[in-house]
Amino acid sequence: MNTTDARLRCRRLLRRSGTLGVVACLLAATPARAQLKAVAAGDLAFGRFAAVSTGFVSVGTTGARSSGGGVVLLTSAGAPARFTISDKKPANANLVYIVSLPASASISNGASSMTLTNFVSSPAGAGVLSGGTQVLAVGATLQVAAGQRRGNYSGNFNITIEYQ
């Protein structure tokens, strides 16, 4: 695998009125022969919830939410982070790329913070740029403490994308 320092960072902040937001930061490393491009197409959102005691909120790659422990989901929607992966060169249209997700990341609101774990993606692990483009969806699990402070939480996580 031959990679260069060509990198693309995607950052977007999800605004909230009662929901938590995450700034998703995408890091893409590409071989010299490729023109791989990643554009943010949607933000990771966990929706509204209440923490009676320690628990979690998970958002899958389809946006489906679930919770456990002492976390209760309130009426709202979740969403995976979404990125459009493409390559300008028609010759690269059916190349395979590998997706590497982080083990964990952190989001914060002032002195309060929460940890993101169990990242998932669709496609999982690898994708093919059939037709030269593909949407990459990324979900995660948010670890919530009892009495977690309300507010707009933000942070970032890195995803590495490399041609195989």
N, C-alpha and C. Protein backbone atom coordinates (compact mmCIF):
# COMPACT_ATOMS: atom_id res chain seq x y z
N MET A 1 0.83 -1.16 0.00
CA MET A 1 0.00 0.00 0.00
C MET A 1 0.88 1.24 0.00
N ASN A 2 0.85 2.03 -1.05
CA ASN A 2 1.66 3.22 -1.16
C ASN A 2 0.77 4.44 -0.93
N THR A 3 1.04 5.18 0.15
CA THR A 3 0.22 6.35 0.43
C THR A 3 1.07 7.60 0.44
N THR A 4 0.44 8.73 0.21
CA THR A 4 1.11 10.02 0.24
C THR A 4 0.54 10.83 1.38
N ASP A 5 1.00 12.03 1.50
CA ASP A 5 0.48 12.91 2.55
C ASP A 5 -0.77 13.66 2.12
N ALA A 6 -1.35 13.28 0.98
CA ALA A 6 -2.57 13.93 0.53
C ALA A 6 -3.68 13.61 1.52
N ARG A 7 -4.24 14.60 2.16
CA ARG A 7 -5.28 14.38 3.17
C ARG A 7 -6.40 15.38 3.01
N LEU A 8 -7.56 14.92 3.40
CA LEU A 8 -8.75 15.76 3.31
C LEU A 8 -9.44 15.76 4.66
N ARG A 9 -9.73 16.91 5.21
CA ARG A 9 -10.43 17.00 6.50
C ARG A 9 -11.83 17.57 6.25
N CYS A 10 -12.79 16.88 6.77
CA CYS A 10 -14.17 17.31 6.67
C CYS A 10 -14.65 17.64 8.07
N ARG A 11 -15.19 18.81 8.28
CA ARG A 11 -15.69 19.18 9.59
C ARG A 11 -17.05 19.86 9.44
N ARG A 12 -17.95 19.42 10.24
CA ARG A 12 -19.27 20.07 10.28
C ARG A 12 -19.81 19.99 11.68
N LEU A 13 -20.46 21.02 12.11
CA LEU A 13 -21.04 21.03 13.45
C LEU A 13 -22.54 20.90 13.35
N LEU A 14 -23.08 19.96 14.11
CA LEU A 14 -24.53 19.77 14.16
C LEU A 14 -25.08 20.71 15.21
N ARG A 15 -26.00 21.57 14.83
CA ARG A 15 -26.62 22.46 15.80
C ARG A 15 -27.74 21.76 16.51
N ARG A 16 -27.99 22.16 17.70
CA ARG A 16 -28.91 21.42 18.54
C ARG A 16 -29.85 22.33 19.29
N SER A 17 -31.05 21.88 19.36
CA SER A 17 -31.96 22.41 20.36
C SER A 17 -32.50 21.16 21.02
N GLY A 18 -31.79 20.71 22.03
CA GLY A 18 -32.17 19.49 22.74
C GLY A 18 -31.49 18.24 22.23
N THR A 19 -30.60 18.33 21.23
CA THR A 19 -29.89 17.14 20.76
C THR A 19 -28.40 17.35 20.96
N LEU A 20 -27.66 16.26 20.92
CA LEU A 20 -26.21 16.34 21.03
C LEU A 20 -25.62 16.35 19.64
N GLY A 21 -24.57 17.13 19.46
CA GLY A 21 -23.91 17.19 18.16
C GLY A 21 -22.48 16.75 18.25
N VAL A 22 -21.98 16.27 17.15
CA VAL A 22 -20.59 15.84 17.07
C VAL A 22 -20.00 16.42 15.80
N VAL A 23 -18.83 16.97 15.91
CA VAL A 23 -18.12 17.40 14.72
C VAL A 23 -17.37 16.19 14.21
N ALA A 24 -17.65 15.77 13.02
CA ALA A 24 -16.97 14.61 12.45
C ALA A 24 -15.81 15.09 11.60
N CYS A 25 -14.68 14.58 11.87
CA CYS A 25 -13.49 14.97 11.14
C CYS A 25 -13.01 13.76 10.36
N LEU A 26 -12.98 13.88 9.05
CA LEU A 26 -12.60 12.75 8.19
C LEU A 26 -11.19 12.97 7.67
N LEU A 27 -10.36 11.99 7.86
CA LEU A 27 -8.98 12.03 7.37
C LEU A 27 -8.83 10.97 6.29
N ALA A 28 -8.51 11.38 5.09
CA ALA A 28 -8.37 10.42 4.00
C ALA A 28 -6.95 10.47 3.45
N ALA A 29 -6.27 9.35 3.43
CA ALA A 29 -4.92 9.25 2.86
C ALA A 29 -5.02 8.47 1.57
N THR A 30 -4.39 8.97 0.51
CA THR A 30 -4.56 8.33 -0.80
C THR A 30 -3.23 8.07 -1.47
N PRO A 31 -3.17 7.06 -2.34
CA PRO A 31 -1.97 6.83 -3.13
C PRO A 31 -1.76 7.95 -4.13
N ALA A 32 -0.53 8.10 -4.61
CA ALA A 32 -0.20 9.18 -5.54
C ALA A 32 -1.02 9.09 -6.83
N ARG A 33 -1.41 7.89 -7.27
CA ARG A 33 -2.12 7.73 -8.54
C ARG A 33 -3.59 8.11 -8.43
N ALA A 34 -4.09 8.31 -7.24
CA ALA A 34 -5.52 8.51 -7.05
C ALA A 34 -5.88 9.95 -6.73
N GLN A 35 -7.12 10.27 -6.99
CA GLN A 35 -7.66 11.59 -6.69
C GLN A 35 -8.83 11.44 -5.72
N LEU A 36 -8.67 10.59 -4.72
CA LEU A 36 -9.73 10.30 -3.76
C LEU A 36 -10.18 11.57 -3.05
N LYS A 37 -11.49 11.73 -2.96
CA LYS A 37 -12.06 12.93 -2.34
C LYS A 37 -13.18 12.50 -1.41
N ALA A 38 -13.27 13.12 -0.25
CA ALA A 38 -14.35 12.84 0.70
C ALA A 38 -15.01 14.16 1.08
N VAL A 39 -16.33 14.20 0.96
CA VAL A 39 -17.08 15.41 1.26
C VAL A 39 -18.13 15.08 2.32
N ALA A 40 -18.17 15.86 3.38
CA ALA A 40 -19.17 15.65 4.43
C ALA A 40 -20.56 15.83 3.84
N ALA A 41 -21.44 14.86 4.11
CA ALA A 41 -22.80 14.90 3.57
C ALA A 41 -23.85 14.83 4.68
N GLY A 42 -23.42 14.71 5.94
CA GLY A 42 -24.35 14.64 7.07
C GLY A 42 -23.59 14.42 8.35
N ASP A 43 -24.14 14.87 9.46
CA ASP A 43 -23.48 14.82 10.75
C ASP A 43 -23.98 13.70 11.64
N LEU A 44 -23.12 13.19 12.49
CA LEU A 44 -23.49 12.19 13.47
C LEU A 44 -24.33 12.86 14.55
N ALA A 45 -25.54 12.35 14.77
CA ALA A 45 -26.46 12.93 15.76
C ALA A 45 -27.06 11.82 16.62
N PHE A 46 -27.02 12.00 17.91
CA PHE A 46 -27.55 11.00 18.84
C PHE A 46 -28.98 11.31 19.27
N GLY A 47 -29.49 12.48 18.93
CA GLY A 47 -30.85 12.85 19.29
C GLY A 47 -30.97 13.22 20.76
N ARG A 48 -32.20 13.39 21.20
CA ARG A 48 -32.47 13.78 22.59
C ARG A 48 -32.63 12.55 23.46
N PHE A 49 -32.16 12.67 24.70
CA PHE A 49 -32.29 11.57 25.65
C PHE A 49 -32.14 12.12 27.06
N ALA A 50 -32.52 11.32 28.03
CA ALA A 50 -32.37 11.67 29.45
C ALA A 50 -31.56 10.57 30.11
N ALA A 51 -30.64 10.97 31.00
CA ALA A 51 -29.79 10.00 31.71
C ALA A 51 -30.22 9.93 33.17
N VAL A 52 -30.95 8.89 33.51
CA VAL A 52 -31.36 8.65 34.89
C VAL A 52 -30.17 8.08 35.67
N SER A 53 -29.40 7.22 35.01
CA SER A 53 -28.16 6.68 35.56
C SER A 53 -27.23 6.39 34.38
N THR A 54 -26.07 5.88 34.64
CA THR A 54 -25.08 5.60 33.60
C THR A 54 -25.66 4.66 32.54
N GLY A 55 -25.35 4.96 31.28
CA GLY A 55 -25.84 4.14 30.17
C GLY A 55 -25.22 4.57 28.86
N PHE A 56 -25.93 4.29 27.77
CA PHE A 56 -25.40 4.61 26.45
C PHE A 56 -26.53 4.89 25.47
N VAL A 57 -26.15 5.57 24.37
CA VAL A 57 -27.02 5.76 23.21
C VAL A 57 -26.20 5.33 22.00
N SER A 58 -26.76 4.47 21.17
CA SER A 58 -26.09 4.03 19.95
C SER A 58 -26.86 4.52 18.73
N VAL A 59 -26.11 4.92 17.72
CA VAL A 59 -26.69 5.29 16.43
C VAL A 59 -26.01 4.41 15.39
N GLY A 60 -26.80 3.65 14.66
CA GLY A 60 -26.28 2.77 13.62
C GLY A 60 -26.09 3.50 12.30
N THR A 61 -25.63 2.79 11.30
CA THR A 61 -25.36 3.39 10.00
C THR A 61 -26.62 3.79 9.24
N THR A 62 -27.78 3.33 9.70
CA THR A 62 -29.05 3.73 9.08
C THR A 62 -29.71 4.87 9.85
N GLY A 63 -29.13 5.24 11.01
CA GLY A 63 -29.72 6.29 11.84
C GLY A 63 -30.58 5.75 12.97
N ALA A 64 -30.78 4.43 13.00
CA ALA A 64 -31.58 3.82 14.07
C ALA A 64 -30.88 4.02 15.41
N ARG A 65 -31.64 4.43 16.43
CA ARG A 65 -31.09 4.66 17.76
C ARG A 65 -31.52 3.56 18.71
N SER A 66 -30.65 3.29 19.69
CA SER A 66 -31.00 2.40 20.79
C SER A 66 -30.30 2.93 22.03
N SER A 67 -30.78 2.49 23.19
CA SER A 67 -30.16 2.93 24.43
C SER A 67 -30.12 1.78 25.41
N GLY A 68 -29.33 1.94 26.46
CA GLY A 68 -29.23 0.92 27.49
C GLY A 68 -28.82 1.55 28.80
N GLY A 69 -28.86 0.73 29.84
CA GLY A 69 -28.55 1.26 31.17
C GLY A 69 -29.65 2.21 31.59
N GLY A 70 -29.28 3.32 32.18
CA GLY A 70 -30.25 4.29 32.67
C GLY A 70 -30.55 5.42 31.71
N VAL A 71 -30.36 5.19 30.41
CA VAL A 71 -30.62 6.24 29.42
C VAL A 71 -31.95 5.97 28.73
N VAL A 72 -32.79 7.00 28.69
CA VAL A 72 -34.11 6.92 28.05
C VAL A 72 -34.10 7.82 26.82
N LEU A 73 -34.47 7.25 25.68
CA LEU A 73 -34.56 8.04 24.44
C LEU A 73 -35.80 8.91 24.46
N LEU A 74 -35.65 10.17 24.10
CA LEU A 74 -36.78 11.08 23.95
C LEU A 74 -37.09 11.21 22.47
N THR A 75 -38.26 11.72 22.15
CA THR A 75 -38.67 11.83 20.76
C THR A 75 -37.73 12.76 20.00
N SER A 76 -37.01 12.20 19.08
CA SER A 76 -36.10 12.92 18.18
C SER A 76 -35.47 11.88 17.26
N ALA A 77 -34.71 12.35 16.31
CA ALA A 77 -34.08 11.45 15.34
C ALA A 77 -32.58 11.38 15.55
N GLY A 78 -32.01 10.25 15.22
CA GLY A 78 -30.57 10.09 15.19
C GLY A 78 -30.13 10.04 13.74
N ALA A 79 -28.84 10.23 13.51
CA ALA A 79 -28.32 10.17 12.15
C ALA A 79 -26.85 9.77 12.18
N PRO A 80 -26.43 8.94 11.23
CA PRO A 80 -25.01 8.62 11.13
C PRO A 80 -24.27 9.79 10.48
N ALA A 81 -22.97 9.89 10.71
CA ALA A 81 -22.16 10.82 9.92
C ALA A 81 -22.12 10.23 8.52
N ARG A 82 -22.19 11.07 7.52
CA ARG A 82 -22.20 10.58 6.14
C ARG A 82 -21.18 11.36 5.32
N PHE A 83 -20.48 10.63 4.47
CA PHE A 83 -19.47 11.22 3.61
C PHE A 83 -19.62 10.65 2.21
N THR A 84 -19.48 11.50 1.20
CA THR A 84 -19.49 11.04 -0.19
C THR A 84 -18.04 10.87 -0.61
N ILE A 85 -17.67 9.63 -0.92
CA ILE A 85 -16.32 9.30 -1.35
C ILE A 85 -16.33 9.23 -2.87
N SER A 86 -15.37 9.90 -3.51
CA SER A 86 -15.33 9.89 -4.97
C SER A 86 -13.89 10.01 -5.46
N ASP A 87 -13.71 9.79 -6.74
CA ASP A 87 -12.42 9.91 -7.39
C ASP A 87 -12.65 10.53 -8.75
N LYS A 88 -11.89 11.57 -9.08
CA LYS A 88 -12.06 12.29 -10.34
C LYS A 88 -11.65 11.47 -11.56
N LYS A 89 -10.72 10.53 -11.36
CA LYS A 89 -10.20 9.76 -12.49
C LYS A 89 -11.14 8.60 -12.84
N PRO A 90 -11.70 8.58 -14.04
CA PRO A 90 -12.56 7.47 -14.45
C PRO A 90 -11.86 6.11 -14.35
N ALA A 91 -10.55 6.06 -14.55
CA ALA A 91 -9.80 4.80 -14.49
C ALA A 91 -9.82 4.20 -13.08
N ASN A 92 -10.09 5.01 -12.06
CA ASN A 92 -10.11 4.54 -10.67
C ASN A 92 -11.52 4.17 -10.20
N ALA A 93 -12.48 4.14 -11.12
CA ALA A 93 -13.89 3.97 -10.76
C ALA A 93 -14.22 2.71 -9.96
N ASN A 94 -13.52 1.64 -10.12
CA ASN A 94 -13.86 0.41 -9.40
C ASN A 94 -12.77 -0.05 -8.44
N LEU A 95 -11.97 0.88 -7.96
CA LEU A 95 -10.92 0.53 -7.00
C LEU A 95 -11.52 0.30 -5.62
N VAL A 96 -10.87 -0.60 -4.86
CA VAL A 96 -11.30 -0.90 -3.50
C VAL A 96 -10.58 0.04 -2.54
N TYR A 97 -11.31 0.58 -1.56
CA TYR A 97 -10.68 1.37 -0.51
C TYR A 97 -10.97 0.73 0.84
N ILE A 98 -10.06 0.93 1.78
CA ILE A 98 -10.16 0.38 3.13
C ILE A 98 -10.52 1.52 4.09
N VAL A 99 -11.45 1.24 5.00
CA VAL A 99 -11.88 2.23 6.00
C VAL A 99 -11.36 1.80 7.36
N SER A 100 -10.64 2.69 8.04
CA SER A 100 -10.16 2.44 9.41
C SER A 100 -10.87 3.40 10.35
N LEU A 101 -11.58 2.85 11.34
CA LEU A 101 -12.33 3.65 12.30
C LEU A 101 -11.57 3.75 13.62
N PRO A 102 -11.82 4.81 14.40
CA PRO A 102 -11.12 4.96 15.68
C PRO A 102 -11.66 4.00 16.74
N ALA A 103 -10.85 3.71 17.74
CA ALA A 103 -11.31 2.89 18.87
C ALA A 103 -12.23 3.71 19.77
N SER A 104 -11.93 4.99 19.91
CA SER A 104 -12.76 5.87 20.73
C SER A 104 -12.48 7.32 20.36
N ALA A 105 -13.34 8.20 20.83
CA ALA A 105 -13.19 9.64 20.64
C ALA A 105 -13.95 10.31 21.78
N SER A 106 -13.77 11.60 21.92
CA SER A 106 -14.41 12.32 23.01
C SER A 106 -15.14 13.54 22.47
N ILE A 107 -16.28 13.85 23.07
CA ILE A 107 -16.99 15.09 22.77
C ILE A 107 -17.15 15.84 24.09
N SER A 108 -17.24 17.16 24.01
CA SER A 108 -17.33 17.93 25.25
C SER A 108 -18.23 19.15 25.10
N ASN A 109 -18.64 19.64 26.26
CA ASN A 109 -19.42 20.87 26.39
C ASN A 109 -18.87 21.54 27.64
N GLY A 110 -17.93 22.46 27.46
CA GLY A 110 -17.26 23.05 28.61
C GLY A 110 -16.46 21.99 29.34
N ALA A 111 -16.70 21.86 30.65
CA ALA A 111 -15.98 20.88 31.47
C ALA A 111 -16.60 19.48 31.38
N SER A 112 -17.79 19.37 30.81
CA SER A 112 -18.46 18.07 30.69
C SER A 112 -18.03 17.37 29.41
N SER A 113 -17.88 16.05 29.49
CA SER A 113 -17.49 15.30 28.30
C SER A 113 -18.16 13.93 28.29
N MET A 114 -18.17 13.31 27.13
CA MET A 114 -18.66 11.95 26.93
C MET A 114 -17.74 11.27 25.94
N THR A 115 -17.72 9.95 25.98
CA THR A 115 -16.85 9.17 25.10
C THR A 115 -17.67 8.44 24.05
N LEU A 116 -17.16 8.44 22.82
CA LEU A 116 -17.73 7.68 21.71
C LEU A 116 -16.93 6.39 21.57
N THR A 117 -17.60 5.25 21.44
CA THR A 117 -16.94 3.96 21.27
C THR A 117 -17.70 3.16 20.21
N ASN A 118 -17.24 1.97 19.93
CA ASN A 118 -17.92 1.03 19.04
C ASN A 118 -18.34 1.65 17.71
N PHE A 119 -17.40 2.29 17.03
CA PHE A 119 -17.69 2.88 15.73
C PHE A 119 -18.02 1.78 14.72
N VAL A 120 -18.97 2.06 13.84
CA VAL A 120 -19.37 1.15 12.77
C VAL A 120 -19.49 1.95 11.47
N SER A 121 -19.33 1.27 10.35
CA SER A 121 -19.48 1.96 9.07
C SER A 121 -20.21 1.08 8.07
N SER A 122 -20.79 1.75 7.10
CA SER A 122 -21.40 1.07 5.97
C SER A 122 -20.98 1.83 4.72
N PRO A 123 -20.20 1.20 3.87
CA PRO A 123 -19.77 -0.18 3.93
C PRO A 123 -18.81 -0.41 5.10
N ALA A 124 -18.81 -1.64 5.59
CA ALA A 124 -17.99 -2.00 6.75
C ALA A 124 -16.61 -2.47 6.30
N GLY A 125 -15.58 -1.80 6.76
CA GLY A 125 -14.21 -2.23 6.50
C GLY A 125 -13.63 -1.84 5.15
N ALA A 126 -14.42 -1.93 4.10
CA ALA A 126 -13.92 -1.61 2.76
C ALA A 126 -15.09 -1.24 1.86
N GLY A 127 -14.78 -0.55 0.79
CA GLY A 127 -15.81 -0.17 -0.18
C GLY A 127 -15.23 -0.17 -1.58
N VAL A 128 -16.10 -0.10 -2.56
CA VAL A 128 -15.70 -0.02 -3.96
C VAL A 128 -16.36 1.21 -4.56
N LEU A 129 -15.57 2.00 -5.26
CA LEU A 129 -16.12 3.20 -5.89
C LEU A 129 -16.80 2.86 -7.20
N SER A 130 -17.86 2.04 -7.15
CA SER A 130 -18.57 1.70 -8.37
C SER A 130 -19.22 2.96 -8.92
N GLY A 131 -18.92 3.24 -10.17
CA GLY A 131 -19.41 4.47 -10.77
C GLY A 131 -18.61 5.67 -10.32
N GLY A 132 -17.56 5.45 -9.55
CA GLY A 132 -16.70 6.55 -9.12
C GLY A 132 -17.10 7.23 -7.82
N THR A 133 -18.27 6.86 -7.23
CA THR A 133 -18.68 7.47 -5.95
C THR A 133 -19.33 6.44 -5.05
N GLN A 134 -19.31 6.73 -3.77
CA GLN A 134 -20.00 5.90 -2.79
C GLN A 134 -20.23 6.72 -1.53
N VAL A 135 -21.35 6.47 -0.85
CA VAL A 135 -21.63 7.14 0.42
C VAL A 135 -21.14 6.24 1.55
N LEU A 136 -20.37 6.81 2.47
CA LEU A 136 -19.87 6.12 3.65
C LEU A 136 -20.66 6.65 4.84
N ALA A 137 -21.33 5.76 5.57
CA ALA A 137 -22.10 6.14 6.77
C ALA A 137 -21.35 5.63 8.00
N VAL A 138 -21.26 6.45 9.04
CA VAL A 138 -20.54 6.09 10.26
C VAL A 138 -21.42 6.33 11.47
N GLY A 139 -21.59 5.28 12.28
CA GLY A 139 -22.33 5.37 13.54
C GLY A 139 -21.40 5.09 14.71
N ALA A 140 -21.90 5.27 15.93
CA ALA A 140 -21.09 5.04 17.13
C ALA A 140 -22.00 4.90 18.35
N THR A 141 -21.38 4.56 19.48
CA THR A 141 -22.08 4.47 20.76
C THR A 141 -21.56 5.57 21.66
N LEU A 142 -22.47 6.31 22.25
CA LEU A 142 -22.14 7.41 23.15
C LEU A 142 -22.30 6.93 24.60
N GLN A 143 -21.23 6.99 25.38
CA GLN A 143 -21.26 6.59 26.79
C GLN A 143 -21.75 7.79 27.61
N VAL A 144 -22.83 7.61 28.35
CA VAL A 144 -23.48 8.71 29.07
C VAL A 144 -23.41 8.46 30.58
N ALA A 145 -23.03 9.49 31.32
CA ALA A 145 -22.97 9.40 32.79
C ALA A 145 -24.32 9.77 33.39
N ALA A 146 -24.56 9.33 34.61
CA ALA A 146 -25.78 9.72 35.31
C ALA A 146 -25.78 11.23 35.48
N GLY A 147 -26.91 11.86 35.20
CA GLY A 147 -27.02 13.32 35.36
C GLY A 147 -26.15 14.10 34.40
N GLN A 148 -25.88 13.54 33.24
CA GLN A 148 -25.03 14.21 32.24
C GLN A 148 -25.57 15.60 31.96
N ARG A 149 -24.69 16.59 31.93
CA ARG A 149 -25.08 17.98 31.68
C ARG A 149 -25.68 18.13 30.29
N ARG A 150 -26.80 18.85 30.22
CA ARG A 150 -27.45 19.14 28.93
C ARG A 150 -26.62 20.12 28.14
N GLY A 151 -26.77 20.11 26.85
CA GLY A 151 -26.10 21.13 26.04
C GLY A 151 -25.62 20.61 24.71
N ASN A 152 -24.91 21.48 24.01
CA ASN A 152 -24.32 21.17 22.71
C ASN A 152 -22.93 20.60 22.93
N TYR A 153 -22.76 19.35 22.62
CA TYR A 153 -21.46 18.70 22.75
C TYR A 153 -20.84 18.62 21.37
N SER A 154 -19.53 18.81 21.31
CA SER A 154 -18.85 18.69 20.02
C SER A 154 -17.48 18.05 20.23
N GLY A 155 -16.92 17.58 19.18
CA GLY A 155 -15.61 16.94 19.21
C GLY A 155 -15.27 16.49 17.81
N ASN A 156 -14.33 15.60 17.68
CA ASN A 156 -13.98 15.11 16.36
C ASN A 156 -13.49 13.68 16.46
N PHE A 157 -13.49 13.03 15.33
CA PHE A 157 -12.89 11.71 15.23
C PHE A 157 -12.28 11.58 13.85
N ASN A 158 -11.22 10.79 13.77
CA ASN A 158 -10.53 10.59 12.50
C ASN A 158 -10.89 9.25 11.89
N ILE A 159 -11.09 9.27 10.59
CA ILE A 159 -11.33 8.06 9.81
C ILE A 159 -10.28 8.07 8.71
N THR A 160 -9.58 6.96 8.54
CA THR A 160 -8.58 6.89 7.48
C THR A 160 -9.14 6.04 6.34
N ILE A 161 -8.98 6.57 5.13
CA ILE A 161 -9.44 5.85 3.93
C ILE A 161 -8.24 5.72 3.01
N GLU A 162 -7.92 4.47 2.62
CA GLU A 162 -6.78 4.21 1.75
C GLU A 162 -7.18 3.25 0.64
N TYR A 163 -6.67 3.53 -0.56
CA TYR A 163 -6.85 2.57 -1.64
C TYR A 163 -6.06 1.32 -1.31
N GLN A 164 -6.62 0.18 -1.65
CA GLN A 164 -5.94 -1.09 -1.43
C GLN A 164 -5.00 -1.38 -2.55
